[in-house]
Amino acid sequence: MMKKSIVIKANRLNLKNINKFKFDKVVIILSSVLICGLILGIFTSSRLLKSDNNVLCNLFDSFLFSCSKLSFINCFFTYFLISLLFVFFAFILGFCAVGTPALCLLPFVLGLIFGSSICCYFTNYGLTGFIFCVLGNIPFYAITAATLLKCCCESMKMSVELFCVVINGRASKACYSLRDIAMYYCVMCLPLLIGSIIKTIGIKLFIGFFGII
């Protein structure tokens, strides 16, 4: 019976090289997309009408308030699942021959959410809200963004190779098992665990100290 495998036009996925974040063209492009989402999130939120902006801010406040009332474990799992959702979509889109455009959209959406949260906290709480956002949000979003960029790069290689297979009807000689790819993404989830723990600790420590909500 033939083993399930997927073709990747790249070097073999090596778990030892996960920490080697190579700044190639793909990383630069995806990082630029993320930054564009961040800037657009700040700009759009700041330009909304006051009533609309309050709706957006109330949305972030309601979610933060709900998480603050959860136990440490439940709060941790909430933020872990949020960050894991982005990586999961990156994983799935890697098996799609036309998944590259959607993979570019994931960092943009993450940047948009982060930018909007910065603007809303600053609008509602001024400098205090901004400091809380820096201490409570930036480590979580930074770790999530770095992990997502790495996963999107690998998924993009898979997607492009599958696209070439569909168009040309030929595959490269390098075939890798689904097990290797799944293991790669499982290991990439470890930073998300750390980021979620930092985020949860930040909420539990700073939300009362800064008088947020």
C-alpha atoms as a PDB file:
ATOM      1  CA  MET A   1       0.000   0.000   0.000  1.00  0.00           C
ATOM      2  CA  MET A   2       1.375   3.385  -0.935  1.00  0.00           C
ATOM      3  CA  LYS A   3       2.170   5.611   2.000  1.00  0.00           C
ATOM      4  CA  LYS A   4       0.357   8.934   2.128  1.00  0.00           C
ATOM      5  CA  SER A   5       2.785  11.663   1.238  1.00  0.00           C
ATOM      6  CA  ILE A   6       2.935  15.198   0.046  1.00  0.00           C
ATOM      7  CA  VAL A   7       5.440  16.742  -2.290  1.00  0.00           C
ATOM      8  CA  ILE A   8       7.368  19.781  -1.161  1.00  0.00           C
ATOM      9  CA  LYS A   9       9.669  21.682  -3.447  1.00  0.00           C
ATOM     10  CA  ALA A  10      12.177  22.586  -0.803  1.00  0.00           C
ATOM     11  CA  ASN A  11      14.689  21.074   1.553  1.00  0.00           C
ATOM     12  CA  ARG A  12      13.440  18.311   3.806  1.00  0.00           C
ATOM     13  CA  LEU A  13      11.452  19.562   6.774  1.00  0.00           C
ATOM     14  CA  ASN A  14      13.941  19.316   9.580  1.00  0.00           C
ATOM     15  CA  LEU A  15      12.716  19.827  13.129  1.00  0.00           C
ATOM     16  CA  LYS A  16      16.230  20.851  14.135  1.00  0.00           C
ATOM     17  CA  ASN A  17      16.017  23.856  11.821  1.00  0.00           C
ATOM     18  CA  ILE A  18      12.747  25.246  13.140  1.00  0.00           C
ATOM     19  CA  ASN A  19      14.499  27.961  15.115  1.00  0.00           C
ATOM     20  CA  LYS A  20      16.430  29.120  12.054  1.00  0.00           C
ATOM     21  CA  PHE A  21      14.157  31.925  10.914  1.00  0.00           C
ATOM     22  CA  LYS A  22      15.548  32.693   7.470  1.00  0.00           C
ATOM     23  CA  PHE A  23      14.726  36.172   6.204  1.00  0.00           C
ATOM     24  CA  ASP A  24      14.095  35.236   2.598  1.00  0.00           C
ATOM     25  CA  LYS A  25      11.756  37.015   0.220  1.00  0.00           C
ATOM     26  CA  VAL A  26       8.678  35.166   1.441  1.00  0.00           C
ATOM     27  CA  VAL A  27       9.317  36.170   5.057  1.00  0.00           C
ATOM     28  CA  ILE A  28       9.833  39.796   4.041  1.00  0.00           C
ATOM     29  CA  ILE A  29       6.608  39.819   2.025  1.00  0.00           C
ATOM     30  CA  LEU A  30       4.541  38.209   4.780  1.00  0.00           C
ATOM     31  CA  SER A  31       6.071  40.510   7.407  1.00  0.00           C
ATOM     32  CA  SER A  32       5.180  43.506   5.249  1.00  0.00           C
ATOM     33  CA  VAL A  33       1.606  42.232   4.935  1.00  0.00           C
ATOM     34  CA  LEU A  34       1.379  41.863   8.721  1.00  0.00           C
ATOM     35  CA  ILE A  35       2.703  45.398   9.262  1.00  0.00           C
ATOM     36  CA  CYS A  36       0.210  46.738   6.710  1.00  0.00           C
ATOM     37  CA  GLY A  37      -2.592  45.047   8.648  1.00  0.00           C
ATOM     38  CA  LEU A  38      -1.279  46.553  11.890  1.00  0.00           C
ATOM     39  CA  ILE A  39      -1.143  50.078  10.444  1.00  0.00           C
ATOM     40  CA  LEU A  40      -4.540  49.731   8.780  1.00  0.00           C
ATOM     41  CA  GLY A  41      -6.058  48.479  12.038  1.00  0.00           C
ATOM     42  CA  ILE A  42      -4.765  51.520  13.926  1.00  0.00           C
ATOM     43  CA  PHE A  43      -5.684  53.975  11.173  1.00  0.00           C
ATOM     44  CA  THR A  44      -9.168  52.561  10.530  1.00  0.00           C
ATOM     45  CA  SER A  45     -10.078  52.369  14.214  1.00  0.00           C
ATOM     46  CA  SER A  46      -8.905  55.927  14.825  1.00  0.00           C
ATOM     47  CA  ARG A  47     -10.904  57.240  11.843  1.00  0.00           C
ATOM     48  CA  LEU A  48     -14.202  55.612  12.730  1.00  0.00           C
ATOM     49  CA  LEU A  49     -17.012  57.764  13.982  1.00  0.00           C
ATOM     50  CA  LYS A  50     -17.060  58.077  17.733  1.00  0.00           C
ATOM     51  CA  SER A  51     -20.148  55.910  18.151  1.00  0.00           C
ATOM     52  CA  ASP A  52     -18.784  53.196  15.867  1.00  0.00           C
ATOM     53  CA  ASN A  53     -15.405  53.344  17.552  1.00  0.00           C
ATOM     54  CA  ASN A  54     -17.082  52.840  20.934  1.00  0.00           C
ATOM     55  CA  VAL A  55     -18.787  49.731  19.594  1.00  0.00           C
ATOM     56  CA  LEU A  56     -15.417  48.316  18.552  1.00  0.00           C
ATOM     57  CA  CYS A  57     -13.842  49.266  21.870  1.00  0.00           C
ATOM     58  CA  ASN A  58     -16.741  47.759  23.790  1.00  0.00           C
ATOM     59  CA  LEU A  59     -16.212  44.540  21.857  1.00  0.00           C
ATOM     60  CA  PHE A  60     -12.576  44.317  22.983  1.00  0.00           C
ATOM     61  CA  ASP A  61     -13.533  45.330  26.532  1.00  0.00           C
ATOM     62  CA  SER A  62     -16.259  42.701  26.739  1.00  0.00           C
ATOM     63  CA  PHE A  63     -13.920  39.962  25.591  1.00  0.00           C
ATOM     64  CA  LEU A  64     -11.173  41.097  27.982  1.00  0.00           C
ATOM     65  CA  PHE A  65     -13.642  41.305  30.843  1.00  0.00           C
ATOM     66  CA  SER A  66     -14.929  37.800  30.109  1.00  0.00           C
ATOM     67  CA  CYS A  67     -11.393  36.394  30.028  1.00  0.00           C
ATOM     68  CA  SER A  68     -10.456  38.160  33.265  1.00  0.00           C
ATOM     69  CA  LYS A  69     -13.296  36.377  35.053  1.00  0.00           C
ATOM     70  CA  LEU A  70     -12.140  32.968  33.875  1.00  0.00           C
ATOM     71  CA  SER A  71      -9.788  30.755  35.837  1.00  0.00           C
ATOM     72  CA  PHE A  72      -6.123  30.807  34.858  1.00  0.00           C
ATOM     73  CA  ILE A  73      -6.426  27.505  32.963  1.00  0.00           C
ATOM     74  CA  ASN A  74      -9.557  28.517  31.058  1.00  0.00           C
ATOM     75  CA  CYS A  75      -8.113  31.908  30.198  1.00  0.00           C
ATOM     76  CA  PHE A  76      -4.925  30.255  28.981  1.00  0.00           C
ATOM     77  CA  PHE A  77      -6.816  27.802  26.762  1.00  0.00           C
ATOM     78  CA  THR A  78      -8.933  30.623  25.328  1.00  0.00           C
ATOM     79  CA  TYR A  79      -5.908  32.542  24.073  1.00  0.00           C
ATOM     80  CA  PHE A  80      -4.092  29.384  23.035  1.00  0.00           C
ATOM     81  CA  LEU A  81      -7.021  28.320  20.859  1.00  0.00           C
ATOM     82  CA  ILE A  82      -7.165  31.795  19.297  1.00  0.00           C
ATOM     83  CA  SER A  83      -3.501  31.660  18.295  1.00  0.00           C
ATOM     84  CA  LEU A  84      -3.776  27.991  17.324  1.00  0.00           C
ATOM     85  CA  LEU A  85      -6.624  28.829  14.954  1.00  0.00           C
ATOM     86  CA  PHE A  86      -4.299  30.912  12.773  1.00  0.00           C
ATOM     87  CA  VAL A  87      -1.693  28.138  12.618  1.00  0.00           C
ATOM     88  CA  PHE A  88      -4.387  25.549  11.907  1.00  0.00           C
ATOM     89  CA  PHE A  89      -5.615  27.525   8.903  1.00  0.00           C
ATOM     90  CA  ALA A  90      -2.022  27.873   7.693  1.00  0.00           C
ATOM     91  CA  PHE A  91      -1.627  24.099   7.980  1.00  0.00           C
ATOM     92  CA  ILE A  92      -4.833  23.372   6.052  1.00  0.00           C
ATOM     93  CA  LEU A  93      -4.111  25.922   3.316  1.00  0.00           C
ATOM     94  CA  GLY A  94      -0.750  24.243   2.702  1.00  0.00           C
ATOM     95  CA  PHE A  95      -2.670  21.332   1.196  1.00  0.00           C
ATOM     96  CA  CYS A  96      -4.520  23.612  -1.197  1.00  0.00           C
ATOM     97  CA  ALA A  97      -3.013  24.246  -4.629  1.00  0.00           C
ATOM     98  CA  VAL A  98      -4.398  27.795  -4.627  1.00  0.00           C
ATOM     99  CA  GLY A  99      -3.865  28.476  -0.927  1.00  0.00           C
ATOM    100  CA  THR A 100      -1.133  31.106  -1.342  1.00  0.00           C
ATOM    101  CA  PRO A 101      -3.441  34.181  -1.463  1.00  0.00           C
ATOM    102  CA  ALA A 102      -5.262  33.053   1.679  1.00  0.00           C
ATOM    103  CA  LEU A 103      -1.937  32.390   3.408  1.00  0.00           C
ATOM    104  CA  CYS A 104      -0.978  36.004   2.743  1.00  0.00           C
ATOM    105  CA  LEU A 105      -4.276  37.074   4.291  1.00  0.00           C
ATOM    106  CA  LEU A 106      -3.639  35.375   7.655  1.00  0.00           C
ATOM    107  CA  PRO A 107      -0.804  37.717   8.801  1.00  0.00           C
ATOM    108  CA  PHE A 108      -2.859  40.680   7.572  1.00  0.00           C
ATOM    109  CA  VAL A 109      -5.842  39.675   9.731  1.00  0.00           C
ATOM    110  CA  LEU A 110      -3.614  39.140  12.781  1.00  0.00           C
ATOM    111  CA  GLY A 111      -2.031  42.571  12.295  1.00  0.00           C
ATOM    112  CA  LEU A 112      -5.468  44.135  11.825  1.00  0.00           C
ATOM    113  CA  ILE A 113      -6.710  42.705  15.126  1.00  0.00           C
ATOM    114  CA  PHE A 114      -3.611  43.816  17.010  1.00  0.00           C
ATOM    115  CA  GLY A 115      -3.706  47.319  15.531  1.00  0.00           C
ATOM    116  CA  SER A 116      -7.373  47.718  16.387  1.00  0.00           C
ATOM    117  CA  SER A 117      -6.790  46.571  19.966  1.00  0.00           C
ATOM    118  CA  ILE A 118      -3.982  49.110  20.467  1.00  0.00           C
ATOM    119  CA  CYS A 119      -6.177  51.914  19.185  1.00  0.00           C
ATOM    120  CA  CYS A 120      -9.185  50.870  21.280  1.00  0.00           C
ATOM    121  CA  TYR A 121      -7.273  50.528  24.528  1.00  0.00           C
ATOM    122  CA  PHE A 122      -5.648  53.911  23.974  1.00  0.00           C
ATOM    123  CA  THR A 123      -9.015  55.480  23.115  1.00  0.00           C
ATOM    124  CA  ASN A 124     -10.717  54.105  26.222  1.00  0.00           C
ATOM    125  CA  TYR A 125      -7.931  54.373  28.789  1.00  0.00           C
ATOM    126  CA  GLY A 126      -5.340  56.749  27.362  1.00  0.00           C
ATOM    127  CA  LEU A 127      -1.700  56.152  28.251  1.00  0.00           C
ATOM    128  CA  THR A 128      -2.673  53.598  30.905  1.00  0.00           C
ATOM    129  CA  GLY A 129      -4.461  51.499  28.295  1.00  0.00           C
ATOM    130  CA  PHE A 130      -1.515  51.760  25.928  1.00  0.00           C
ATOM    131  CA  ILE A 131       0.928  50.569  28.613  1.00  0.00           C
ATOM    132  CA  PHE A 132      -1.390  47.694  29.487  1.00  0.00           C
ATOM    133  CA  CYS A 133      -1.538  46.766  25.802  1.00  0.00           C
ATOM    134  CA  VAL A 134       2.265  46.825  25.570  1.00  0.00           C
ATOM    135  CA  LEU A 135       2.734  44.643  28.645  1.00  0.00           C
ATOM    136  CA  GLY A 136      -0.229  42.334  28.160  1.00  0.00           C
ATOM    137  CA  ASN A 137      -0.624  42.059  24.405  1.00  0.00           C
ATOM    138  CA  ILE A 138       2.647  42.650  22.568  1.00  0.00           C
ATOM    139  CA  PRO A 139       4.466  39.492  23.817  1.00  0.00           C
ATOM    140  CA  PHE A 140       1.465  37.334  22.877  1.00  0.00           C
ATOM    141  CA  TYR A 141       0.974  38.873  19.443  1.00  0.00           C
ATOM    142  CA  ALA A 142       4.712  38.942  18.713  1.00  0.00           C
ATOM    143  CA  ILE A 143       5.127  35.237  19.458  1.00  0.00           C
ATOM    144  CA  THR A 144       1.952  34.372  17.558  1.00  0.00           C
ATOM    145  CA  ALA A 145       3.032  36.492  14.580  1.00  0.00           C
ATOM    146  CA  ALA A 146       6.529  34.967  14.418  1.00  0.00           C
ATOM    147  CA  THR A 147       5.113  31.441  14.606  1.00  0.00           C
ATOM    148  CA  LEU A 148       2.446  32.203  12.027  1.00  0.00           C
ATOM    149  CA  LEU A 149       4.982  33.680   9.602  1.00  0.00           C
ATOM    150  CA  LYS A 150       7.147  30.577   9.858  1.00  0.00           C
ATOM    151  CA  CYS A 151       4.166  28.261   9.335  1.00  0.00           C
ATOM    152  CA  CYS A 152       2.860  30.328   6.419  1.00  0.00           C
ATOM    153  CA  CYS A 153       6.267  30.110   4.729  1.00  0.00           C
ATOM    154  CA  GLU A 154       6.278  26.309   4.916  1.00  0.00           C
ATOM    155  CA  SER A 155       2.633  26.045   3.865  1.00  0.00           C
ATOM    156  CA  MET A 156       3.296  28.356   0.942  1.00  0.00           C
ATOM    157  CA  LYS A 157       6.054  26.042  -0.298  1.00  0.00           C
ATOM    158  CA  MET A 158       3.657  23.116  -0.078  1.00  0.00           C
ATOM    159  CA  SER A 159       0.871  25.025  -1.830  1.00  0.00           C
ATOM    160  CA  VAL A 160       3.116  26.237  -4.655  1.00  0.00           C
ATOM    161  CA  GLU A 161       4.436  22.719  -5.226  1.00  0.00           C
ATOM    162  CA  LEU A 162       0.929  21.298  -5.348  1.00  0.00           C
ATOM    163  CA  PHE A 163      -0.028  24.016  -7.811  1.00  0.00           C
ATOM    164  CA  CYS A 164       2.910  23.015 -10.027  1.00  0.00           C
ATOM    165  CA  VAL A 165       1.826  19.373  -9.819  1.00  0.00           C
ATOM    166  CA  VAL A 166      -1.700  20.300 -10.915  1.00  0.00           C
ATOM    167  CA  ILE A 167      -0.474  22.488 -13.795  1.00  0.00           C
ATOM    168  CA  ASN A 168       2.472  20.403 -15.013  1.00  0.00           C
ATOM    169  CA  GLY A 169       1.354  16.974 -13.901  1.00  0.00           C
ATOM    170  CA  ARG A 170       4.794  16.280 -12.469  1.00  0.00           C
ATOM    171  CA  ALA A 171       6.153  16.292  -8.953  1.00  0.00           C
ATOM    172  CA  SER A 172       9.615  16.911  -7.647  1.00  0.00           C
ATOM    173  CA  LYS A 173      11.679  13.999  -6.370  1.00  0.00           C
ATOM    174  CA  ALA A 174      11.394  15.050  -2.735  1.00  0.00           C
ATOM    175  CA  CYS A 175       8.428  13.375  -1.058  1.00  0.00           C
ATOM    176  CA  TYR A 176       7.658  13.767   2.621  1.00  0.00           C
ATOM    177  CA  SER A 177       5.175  11.939   4.762  1.00  0.00           C
ATOM    178  CA  LEU A 178       2.195  13.569   6.377  1.00  0.00           C
ATOM    179  CA  ARG A 179       3.640  12.431   9.674  1.00  0.00           C
ATOM    180  CA  ASP A 180       6.732  14.627   9.233  1.00  0.00           C
ATOM    181  CA  ILE A 181       4.626  17.628   8.330  1.00  0.00           C
ATOM    182  CA  ALA A 182       2.227  17.082  11.246  1.00  0.00           C
ATOM    183  CA  MET A 183       5.171  16.749  13.635  1.00  0.00           C
ATOM    184  CA  TYR A 184       6.635  19.979  12.296  1.00  0.00           C
ATOM    185  CA  TYR A 185       3.443  21.897  13.022  1.00  0.00           C
ATOM    186  CA  CYS A 186       3.032  20.284  16.424  1.00  0.00           C
ATOM    187  CA  VAL A 187       6.472  21.527  17.428  1.00  0.00           C
ATOM    188  CA  MET A 188       5.615  24.969  16.061  1.00  0.00           C
ATOM    189  CA  CYS A 189       2.700  25.054  18.508  1.00  0.00           C
ATOM    190  CA  LEU A 190       5.085  25.136  21.473  1.00  0.00           C
ATOM    191  CA  PRO A 191       5.780  28.897  21.144  1.00  0.00           C
ATOM    192  CA  LEU A 192       2.015  29.451  21.121  1.00  0.00           C
ATOM    193  CA  LEU A 193       1.790  27.728  24.504  1.00  0.00           C
ATOM    194  CA  ILE A 194       4.446  30.066  25.889  1.00  0.00           C
ATOM    195  CA  GLY A 195       2.797  33.138  24.389  1.00  0.00           C
ATOM    196  CA  SER A 196      -0.587  32.176  25.822  1.00  0.00           C
ATOM    197  CA  ILE A 197       0.889  31.671  29.280  1.00  0.00           C
ATOM    198  CA  ILE A 198       2.531  35.118  29.120  1.00  0.00           C
ATOM    199  CA  LYS A 199      -0.745  36.654  27.936  1.00  0.00           C
ATOM    200  CA  THR A 200      -2.737  35.031  30.749  1.00  0.00           C
ATOM    201  CA  ILE A 201      -0.228  36.103  33.386  1.00  0.00           C
ATOM    202  CA  GLY A 202      -0.311  39.638  31.960  1.00  0.00           C
ATOM    203  CA  ILE A 203      -4.090  39.816  32.230  1.00  0.00           C
ATOM    204  CA  LYS A 204      -4.183  38.445  35.766  1.00  0.00           C
ATOM    205  CA  LEU A 205      -1.406  40.769  36.974  1.00  0.00           C
ATOM    206  CA  PHE A 206      -1.995  44.032  35.120  1.00  0.00           C
ATOM    207  CA  ILE A 207      -5.744  44.300  34.583  1.00  0.00           C
ATOM    208  CA  GLY A 208      -6.300  45.210  38.231  1.00  0.00           C
ATOM    209  CA  PHE A 209      -3.075  47.175  38.616  1.00  0.00           C
ATOM    210  CA  PHE A 210      -3.918  49.534  35.748  1.00  0.00           C
ATOM    211  CA  GLY A 211      -7.623  49.649  36.555  1.00  0.00           C
ATOM    212  CA  ILE A 212      -8.667  48.295  33.165  1.00  0.00           C
ATOM    213  CA  ILE A 213     -12.440  47.571  32.934  1.00  0.00           C
END
